[in-house]
Amino acid sequence: MTTSGAEKSNLLRRGFRDDSVKALYENIKKASYIHNNAGNGRVKLYRFYGSSYTDHLYTTNYNEGINAGYAYEGAVGYIYR
């Protein structure tokens, strides 16, 4: 998940698939909008990577990722809680 076009392009070049739309609409059946900027009622959505888990963790609680042993990759954007 990213709001950065450059990051998306880089990941596609590295062999990642762009199936985010398919996942949102076919599997989840609903989508959430991720804002680029803070705003009234919005909180940061943090992204972490767990090499031992080989997955990503998305959370609004920074300490949750750190305490679970994940590596911090940055804030994806802002979402409504």
PDB file of N, CA and C in Angstrom:
ATOM      1  N   MET A   1       0.841  -1.160   0.000  1.00  0.00           N
ATOM      2  CA  MET A   1       0.000   0.000   0.000  1.00  0.00           C
ATOM      3  C   MET A   1       0.896   1.235   0.000  1.00  0.00           C
ATOM      4  N   THR A   2       0.606   2.144  -0.896  1.00  0.00           N
ATOM      5  CA  THR A   2       1.391   3.369  -0.960  1.00  0.00           C
ATOM      6  C   THR A   2       0.584   4.460  -1.649  1.00  0.00           C
ATOM      7  N   THR A   3       0.915   5.687  -1.332  1.00  0.00           N
ATOM      8  CA  THR A   3       0.347   6.821  -2.053  1.00  0.00           C
ATOM      9  C   THR A   3       1.392   7.412  -2.992  1.00  0.00           C
ATOM     10  N   SER A   4       2.572   6.793  -3.044  1.00  0.00           N
ATOM     11  CA  SER A   4       3.689   7.294  -3.836  1.00  0.00           C
ATOM     12  C   SER A   4       3.766   6.584  -5.190  1.00  0.00           C
ATOM     13  N   GLY A   5       3.619   7.349  -6.252  1.00  0.00           N
ATOM     14  CA  GLY A   5       3.745   6.788  -7.589  1.00  0.00           C
ATOM     15  C   GLY A   5       5.141   6.257  -7.850  1.00  0.00           C
ATOM     16  N   ALA A   6       6.154   6.949  -7.331  1.00  0.00           N
ATOM     17  CA  ALA A   6       7.540   6.509  -7.514  1.00  0.00           C
ATOM     18  C   ALA A   6       7.788   5.170  -6.818  1.00  0.00           C
ATOM     19  N   GLU A   7       7.259   5.026  -5.605  1.00  0.00           N
ATOM     20  CA  GLU A   7       7.437   3.765  -4.892  1.00  0.00           C
ATOM     21  C   GLU A   7       6.733   2.629  -5.625  1.00  0.00           C
ATOM     22  N   LYS A   8       5.533   2.887  -6.132  1.00  0.00           N
ATOM     23  CA  LYS A   8       4.795   1.874  -6.881  1.00  0.00           C
ATOM     24  C   LYS A   8       5.594   1.446  -8.109  1.00  0.00           C
ATOM     25  N   SER A   9       6.119   2.399  -8.867  1.00  0.00           N
ATOM     26  CA  SER A   9       6.902   2.086 -10.070  1.00  0.00           C
ATOM     27  C   SER A   9       8.136   1.268  -9.725  1.00  0.00           C
ATOM     28  N   ASN A  10       8.812   1.644  -8.649  1.00  0.00           N
ATOM     29  CA  ASN A  10      10.000   0.918  -8.209  1.00  0.00           C
ATOM     30  C   ASN A  10       9.658  -0.524  -7.849  1.00  0.00           C
ATOM     31  N   LEU A  11       8.576  -0.724  -7.143  1.00  0.00           N
ATOM     32  CA  LEU A  11       8.186  -2.075  -6.742  1.00  0.00           C
ATOM     33  C   LEU A  11       7.782  -2.916  -7.950  1.00  0.00           C
ATOM     34  N   LEU A  12       7.093  -2.315  -8.912  1.00  0.00           N
ATOM     35  CA  LEU A  12       6.723  -3.050 -10.119  1.00  0.00           C
ATOM     36  C   LEU A  12       7.966  -3.488 -10.889  1.00  0.00           C
ATOM     37  N   ARG A  13       8.981  -2.621 -10.952  1.00  0.00           N
ATOM     38  CA  ARG A  13      10.242  -2.969 -11.612  1.00  0.00           C
ATOM     39  C   ARG A  13      10.942  -4.126 -10.899  1.00  0.00           C
ATOM     40  N   ARG A  14      10.736  -4.223  -9.590  1.00  0.00           N
ATOM     41  CA  ARG A  14      11.373  -5.285  -8.799  1.00  0.00           C
ATOM     42  C   ARG A  14      10.574  -6.584  -8.819  1.00  0.00           C
ATOM     43  N   GLY A  15       9.464  -6.617  -9.550  1.00  0.00           N
ATOM     44  CA  GLY A  15       8.714  -7.854  -9.709  1.00  0.00           C
ATOM     45  C   GLY A  15       7.449  -7.977  -8.885  1.00  0.00           C
ATOM     46  N   PHE A  16       7.111  -6.946  -8.114  1.00  0.00           N
ATOM     47  CA  PHE A  16       5.859  -6.991  -7.364  1.00  0.00           C
ATOM     48  C   PHE A  16       4.688  -6.844  -8.330  1.00  0.00           C
ATOM     49  N   ARG A  17       3.572  -7.428  -7.979  1.00  0.00           N
ATOM     50  CA  ARG A  17       2.375  -7.324  -8.808  1.00  0.00           C
ATOM     51  C   ARG A  17       1.483  -6.205  -8.283  1.00  0.00           C
ATOM     52  N   ASP A  18       0.811  -5.558  -9.203  1.00  0.00           N
ATOM     53  CA  ASP A  18      -0.142  -4.516  -8.827  1.00  0.00           C
ATOM     54  C   ASP A  18      -1.541  -5.114  -8.841  1.00  0.00           C
ATOM     55  N   ASP A  19      -1.881  -5.806  -7.763  1.00  0.00           N
ATOM     56  CA  ASP A  19      -3.212  -6.400  -7.676  1.00  0.00           C
ATOM     57  C   ASP A  19      -4.039  -5.760  -6.567  1.00  0.00           C
ATOM     58  N   SER A  20      -3.658  -4.523  -6.202  1.00  0.00           N
ATOM     59  CA  SER A  20      -4.341  -3.847  -5.099  1.00  0.00           C
ATOM     60  C   SER A  20      -5.814  -3.607  -5.408  1.00  0.00           C
ATOM     61  N   VAL A  21      -6.128  -3.214  -6.609  1.00  0.00           N
ATOM     62  CA  VAL A  21      -7.531  -2.967  -6.964  1.00  0.00           C
ATOM     63  C   VAL A  21      -8.313  -4.263  -6.913  1.00  0.00           C
ATOM     64  N   LYS A  22      -7.738  -5.319  -7.449  1.00  0.00           N
ATOM     65  CA  LYS A  22      -8.405  -6.614  -7.417  1.00  0.00           C
ATOM     66  C   LYS A  22      -8.649  -7.052  -5.974  1.00  0.00           C
ATOM     67  N   ALA A  23      -7.644  -6.917  -5.130  1.00  0.00           N
ATOM     68  CA  ALA A  23      -7.788  -7.325  -3.734  1.00  0.00           C
ATOM     69  C   ALA A  23      -8.864  -6.514  -3.027  1.00  0.00           C
ATOM     70  N   LEU A  24      -8.864  -5.205  -3.273  1.00  0.00           N
ATOM     71  CA  LEU A  24      -9.849  -4.363  -2.597  1.00  0.00           C
ATOM     72  C   LEU A  24     -11.271  -4.679  -3.026  1.00  0.00           C
ATOM     73  N   TYR A  25     -11.491  -4.815  -4.309  1.00  0.00           N
ATOM     74  CA  TYR A  25     -12.856  -4.964  -4.809  1.00  0.00           C
ATOM     75  C   TYR A  25     -13.347  -6.402  -4.859  1.00  0.00           C
ATOM     76  N   GLU A  26     -12.465  -7.360  -5.064  1.00  0.00           N
ATOM     77  CA  GLU A  26     -12.919  -8.741  -5.145  1.00  0.00           C
ATOM     78  C   GLU A  26     -12.853  -9.465  -3.807  1.00  0.00           C
ATOM     79  N   ASN A  27     -11.821  -9.191  -3.033  1.00  0.00           N
ATOM     80  CA  ASN A  27     -11.644  -9.923  -1.784  1.00  0.00           C
ATOM     81  C   ASN A  27     -12.229  -9.202  -0.582  1.00  0.00           C
ATOM     82  N   ILE A  28     -11.999  -7.935  -0.484  1.00  0.00           N
ATOM     83  CA  ILE A  28     -12.442  -7.181   0.678  1.00  0.00           C
ATOM     84  C   ILE A  28     -13.839  -6.603   0.466  1.00  0.00           C
ATOM     85  N   LYS A  29     -14.145  -6.266  -0.773  1.00  0.00           N
ATOM     86  CA  LYS A  29     -15.445  -5.709  -1.162  1.00  0.00           C
ATOM     87  C   LYS A  29     -15.695  -4.305  -0.622  1.00  0.00           C
ATOM     88  N   LYS A  30     -14.668  -3.658  -0.133  1.00  0.00           N
ATOM     89  CA  LYS A  30     -14.767  -2.259   0.236  1.00  0.00           C
ATOM     90  C   LYS A  30     -13.379  -1.653   0.195  1.00  0.00           C
ATOM     91  N   ALA A  31     -13.296  -0.368  -0.004  1.00  0.00           N
ATOM     92  CA  ALA A  31     -11.997   0.293  -0.103  1.00  0.00           C
ATOM     93  C   ALA A  31     -11.917   1.424   0.906  1.00  0.00           C
ATOM     94  N   SER A  32     -10.718   1.690   1.364  1.00  0.00           N
ATOM     95  CA  SER A  32     -10.470   2.814   2.256  1.00  0.00           C
ATOM     96  C   SER A  32      -9.577   3.803   1.534  1.00  0.00           C
ATOM     97  N   TYR A  33      -9.865   5.057   1.689  1.00  0.00           N
ATOM     98  CA  TYR A  33      -9.045   6.083   1.064  1.00  0.00           C
ATOM     99  C   TYR A  33      -7.927   6.472   2.011  1.00  0.00           C
ATOM    100  N   ILE A  34      -6.707   6.509   1.505  1.00  0.00           N
ATOM    101  CA  ILE A  34      -5.553   6.911   2.293  1.00  0.00           C
ATOM    102  C   ILE A  34      -5.159   8.307   1.844  1.00  0.00           C
ATOM    103  N   HIS A  35      -5.183   9.236   2.766  1.00  0.00           N
ATOM    104  CA  HIS A  35      -4.863  10.633   2.474  1.00  0.00           C
ATOM    105  C   HIS A  35      -3.361  10.867   2.547  1.00  0.00           C
ATOM    106  N   ASN A  36      -2.879  11.807   1.749  1.00  0.00           N
ATOM    107  CA  ASN A  36      -1.463  12.185   1.772  1.00  0.00           C
ATOM    108  C   ASN A  36      -1.141  13.134   2.921  1.00  0.00           C
ATOM    109  N   ASN A  37      -2.129  13.834   3.422  1.00  0.00           N
ATOM    110  CA  ASN A  37      -1.905  14.873   4.429  1.00  0.00           C
ATOM    111  C   ASN A  37      -2.745  14.622   5.671  1.00  0.00           C
ATOM    112  N   ALA A  38      -2.254  15.161   6.783  1.00  0.00           N
ATOM    113  CA  ALA A  38      -3.026  15.114   8.023  1.00  0.00           C
ATOM    114  C   ALA A  38      -4.259  15.978   7.864  1.00  0.00           C
ATOM    115  N   GLY A  39      -5.257  15.696   8.634  1.00  0.00           N
ATOM    116  CA  GLY A  39      -6.482  16.486   8.608  1.00  0.00           C
ATOM    117  C   GLY A  39      -7.313  16.179   9.831  1.00  0.00           C
ATOM    118  N   ASN A  40      -8.387  16.890   9.992  1.00  0.00           N
ATOM    119  CA  ASN A  40      -9.255  16.713  11.144  1.00  0.00           C
ATOM    120  C   ASN A  40      -9.768  15.274  11.207  1.00  0.00           C
ATOM    121  N   GLY A  41      -9.472  14.587  12.297  1.00  0.00           N
ATOM    122  CA  GLY A  41      -9.928  13.225  12.505  1.00  0.00           C
ATOM    123  C   GLY A  41      -9.051  12.162  11.869  1.00  0.00           C
ATOM    124  N   ARG A  42      -7.969  12.543  11.215  1.00  0.00           N
ATOM    125  CA  ARG A  42      -7.080  11.585  10.561  1.00  0.00           C
ATOM    126  C   ARG A  42      -5.894  11.247  11.455  1.00  0.00           C
ATOM    127  N   VAL A  43      -5.458   9.990  11.361  1.00  0.00           N
ATOM    128  CA  VAL A  43      -4.283   9.525  12.100  1.00  0.00           C
ATOM    129  C   VAL A  43      -3.328   8.867  11.112  1.00  0.00           C
ATOM    130  N   LYS A  44      -2.051   8.807  11.486  1.00  0.00           N
ATOM    131  CA  LYS A  44      -1.055   8.182  10.614  1.00  0.00           C
ATOM    132  C   LYS A  44      -1.288   6.679  10.521  1.00  0.00           C
ATOM    133  N   LEU A  45      -1.065   6.152   9.324  1.00  0.00           N
ATOM    134  CA  LEU A  45      -1.064   4.714   9.110  1.00  0.00           C
ATOM    135  C   LEU A  45       0.389   4.317   8.857  1.00  0.00           C
ATOM    136  N   TYR A  46       0.945   3.545   9.771  1.00  0.00           N
ATOM    137  CA  TYR A  46       2.345   3.141   9.715  1.00  0.00           C
ATOM    138  C   TYR A  46       2.483   1.804   9.003  1.00  0.00           C
ATOM    139  N   ARG A  47       3.610   1.642   8.301  1.00  0.00           N
ATOM    140  CA  ARG A  47       3.909   0.369   7.637  1.00  0.00           C
ATOM    141  C   ARG A  47       5.198  -0.204   8.216  1.00  0.00           C
ATOM    142  N   PHE A  48       5.133  -1.486   8.557  1.00  0.00           N
ATOM    143  CA  PHE A  48       6.268  -2.218   9.100  1.00  0.00           C
ATOM    144  C   PHE A  48       6.488  -3.481   8.273  1.00  0.00           C
ATOM    145  N   TYR A  49       7.733  -3.947   8.246  1.00  0.00           N
ATOM    146  CA  TYR A  49       8.046  -5.193   7.565  1.00  0.00           C
ATOM    147  C   TYR A  49       8.637  -6.172   8.562  1.00  0.00           C
ATOM    148  N   GLY A  50       8.145  -7.387   8.518  1.00  0.00           N
ATOM    149  CA  GLY A  50       8.665  -8.432   9.391  1.00  0.00           C
ATOM    150  C   GLY A  50       9.411  -9.471   8.583  1.00  0.00           C
ATOM    151  N   SER A  51      10.735  -9.411   8.586  1.00  0.00           N
ATOM    152  CA  SER A  51      11.520 -10.346   7.781  1.00  0.00           C
ATOM    153  C   SER A  51      11.332 -11.786   8.242  1.00  0.00           C
ATOM    154  N   SER A  52      11.151 -11.999   9.532  1.00  0.00           N
ATOM    155  CA  SER A  52      10.936 -13.363  10.007  1.00  0.00           C
ATOM    156  C   SER A  52       9.520 -13.848   9.678  1.00  0.00           C
ATOM    157  N   TYR A  53       8.625 -12.894   9.460  1.00  0.00           N
ATOM    158  CA  TYR A  53       7.252 -13.243   9.089  1.00  0.00           C
ATOM    159  C   TYR A  53       7.038 -13.118   7.583  1.00  0.00           C
ATOM    160  N   THR A  54       7.947 -12.471   6.892  1.00  0.00           N
ATOM    161  CA  THR A  54       7.874 -12.148   5.457  1.00  0.00           C
ATOM    162  C   THR A  54       6.534 -11.516   5.082  1.00  0.00           C
ATOM    163  N   ASP A  55       6.125 -10.557   5.885  1.00  0.00           N
ATOM    164  CA  ASP A  55       4.890  -9.849   5.592  1.00  0.00           C
ATOM    165  C   ASP A  55       4.977  -8.406   6.073  1.00  0.00           C
ATOM    166  N   HIS A  56       3.934  -7.669   5.792  1.00  0.00           N
ATOM    167  CA  HIS A  56       3.836  -6.286   6.244  1.00  0.00           C
ATOM    168  C   HIS A  56       2.747  -6.169   7.304  1.00  0.00           C
ATOM    169  N   LEU A  57       2.947  -5.230   8.188  1.00  0.00           N
ATOM    170  CA  LEU A  57       1.960  -4.892   9.209  1.00  0.00           C
ATOM    171  C   LEU A  57       1.594  -3.437   9.013  1.00  0.00           C
ATOM    172  N   TYR A  58       0.321  -3.156   8.891  1.00  0.00           N
ATOM    173  CA  TYR A  58      -0.182  -1.792   8.798  1.00  0.00           C
ATOM    174  C   TYR A  58      -0.951  -1.503  10.070  1.00  0.00           C
ATOM    175  N   THR A  59      -0.632  -0.406  10.728  1.00  0.00           N
ATOM    176  CA  THR A  59      -1.263  -0.088  12.005  1.00  0.00           C
ATOM    177  C   THR A  59      -1.241   1.415  12.243  1.00  0.00           C
ATOM    178  N   THR A  60      -2.147   1.882  13.063  1.00  0.00           N
ATOM    179  CA  THR A  60      -2.133   3.280  13.484  1.00  0.00           C
ATOM    180  C   THR A  60      -1.376   3.441  14.795  1.00  0.00           C
ATOM    181  N   ASN A  61      -0.882   2.330  15.330  1.00  0.00           N
ATOM    182  CA  ASN A  61      -0.154   2.342  16.597  1.00  0.00           C
ATOM    183  C   ASN A  61       1.313   1.988  16.340  1.00  0.00           C
ATOM    184  N   TYR A  62       2.180   2.983  16.351  1.00  0.00           N
ATOM    185  CA  TYR A  62       3.601   2.787  16.075  1.00  0.00           C
ATOM    186  C   TYR A  62       4.210   1.729  16.996  1.00  0.00           C
ATOM    187  N   ASN A  63       3.899   1.799  18.275  1.00  0.00           N
ATOM    188  CA  ASN A  63       4.479   0.864  19.245  1.00  0.00           C
ATOM    189  C   ASN A  63       4.076  -0.579  18.980  1.00  0.00           C
ATOM    190  N   GLU A  64       2.918  -0.795  18.380  1.00  0.00           N
ATOM    191  CA  GLU A  64       2.481  -2.155  18.063  1.00  0.00           C
ATOM    192  C   GLU A  64       3.472  -2.837  17.117  1.00  0.00           C
ATOM    193  N   GLY A  65       3.898  -2.123  16.090  1.00  0.00           N
ATOM    194  CA  GLY A  65       4.857  -2.686  15.149  1.00  0.00           C
ATOM    195  C   GLY A  65       6.213  -2.935  15.764  1.00  0.00           C
ATOM    196  N   ILE A  66       6.700  -1.959  16.521  1.00  0.00           N
ATOM    197  CA  ILE A  66       8.000  -2.087  17.169  1.00  0.00           C
ATOM    198  C   ILE A  66       7.982  -3.238  18.178  1.00  0.00           C
ATOM    199  N   ASN A  67       6.959  -3.302  19.001  1.00  0.00           N
ATOM    200  CA  ASN A  67       6.872  -4.348  20.030  1.00  0.00           C
ATOM    201  C   ASN A  67       6.723  -5.741  19.437  1.00  0.00           C
ATOM    202  N   ALA A  68       6.183  -5.826  18.210  1.00  0.00           N
ATOM    203  CA  ALA A  68       6.022  -7.124  17.553  1.00  0.00           C
ATOM    204  C   ALA A  68       7.288  -7.550  16.810  1.00  0.00           C
ATOM    205  N   GLY A  69       8.322  -6.697  16.828  1.00  0.00           N
ATOM    206  CA  GLY A  69       9.580  -7.040  16.196  1.00  0.00           C
ATOM    207  C   GLY A  69       9.670  -6.710  14.720  1.00  0.00           C
ATOM    208  N   TYR A  70       8.781  -5.889  14.238  1.00  0.00           N
ATOM    209  CA  TYR A  70       8.788  -5.484  12.837  1.00  0.00           C
ATOM    210  C   TYR A  70       9.711  -4.280  12.631  1.00  0.00           C
ATOM    211  N   ALA A  71      10.232  -4.147  11.415  1.00  0.00           N
ATOM    212  CA  ALA A  71      11.073  -3.002  11.051  1.00  0.00           C
ATOM    213  C   ALA A  71      10.192  -1.900  10.478  1.00  0.00           C
ATOM    214  N   TYR A  72      10.360  -0.700  10.976  1.00  0.00           N
ATOM    215  CA  TYR A  72       9.568   0.449  10.550  1.00  0.00           C
ATOM    216  C   TYR A  72       9.979   0.865   9.139  1.00  0.00           C
ATOM    217  N   GLU A  73       9.009   1.002   8.238  1.00  0.00           N
ATOM    218  CA  GLU A  73       9.264   1.422   6.862  1.00  0.00           C
ATOM    219  C   GLU A  73       8.763   2.831   6.569  1.00  0.00           C
ATOM    220  N   GLY A  74       7.948   3.371   7.439  1.00  0.00           N
ATOM    221  CA  GLY A  74       7.458   4.719   7.227  1.00  0.00           C
ATOM    222  C   GLY A  74       5.956   4.816   7.340  1.00  0.00           C
ATOM    223  N   ALA A  75       5.480   6.045   7.254  1.00  0.00           N
ATOM    224  CA  ALA A  75       4.037   6.279   7.287  1.00  0.00           C
ATOM    225  C   ALA A  75       3.505   6.188   5.863  1.00  0.00           C
ATOM    226  N   VAL A  76       2.452   5.415   5.671  1.00  0.00           N
ATOM    227  CA  VAL A  76       1.837   5.243   4.361  1.00  0.00           C
ATOM    228  C   VAL A  76       1.018   6.477   4.005  1.00  0.00           C
ATOM    229  N   GLY A  77       0.359   7.040   4.992  1.00  0.00           N
ATOM    230  CA  GLY A  77      -0.505   8.192   4.794  1.00  0.00           C
ATOM    231  C   GLY A  77      -1.347   8.385   6.039  1.00  0.00           C
ATOM    232  N   TYR A  78      -2.510   8.950   5.840  1.00  0.00           N
ATOM    233  CA  TYR A  78      -3.404   9.255   6.970  1.00  0.00           C
ATOM    234  C   TYR A  78      -4.776   8.681   6.688  1.00  0.00           C
ATOM    235  N   ILE A  79      -5.373   8.112   7.709  1.00  0.00           N
ATOM    236  CA  ILE A  79      -6.703   7.526   7.578  1.00  0.00           C
ATOM    237  C   ILE A  79      -7.590   8.005   8.715  1.00  0.00           C
ATOM    238  N   TYR A  80      -8.894   7.854   8.525  1.00  0.00           N
ATOM    239  CA  TYR A  80      -9.828   8.151   9.603  1.00  0.00           C
ATOM    240  C   TYR A  80      -9.896   6.951  10.522  1.00  0.00           C
ATOM    241  N   ARG A  81      -9.875   7.202  11.800  1.00  0.00           N
ATOM    242  CA  ARG A  81      -9.944   6.103  12.766  1.00  0.00           C
ATOM    243  C   ARG A  81     -11.382   5.769  13.041  1.00  0.00           C
TER     244      ARG A  81
END
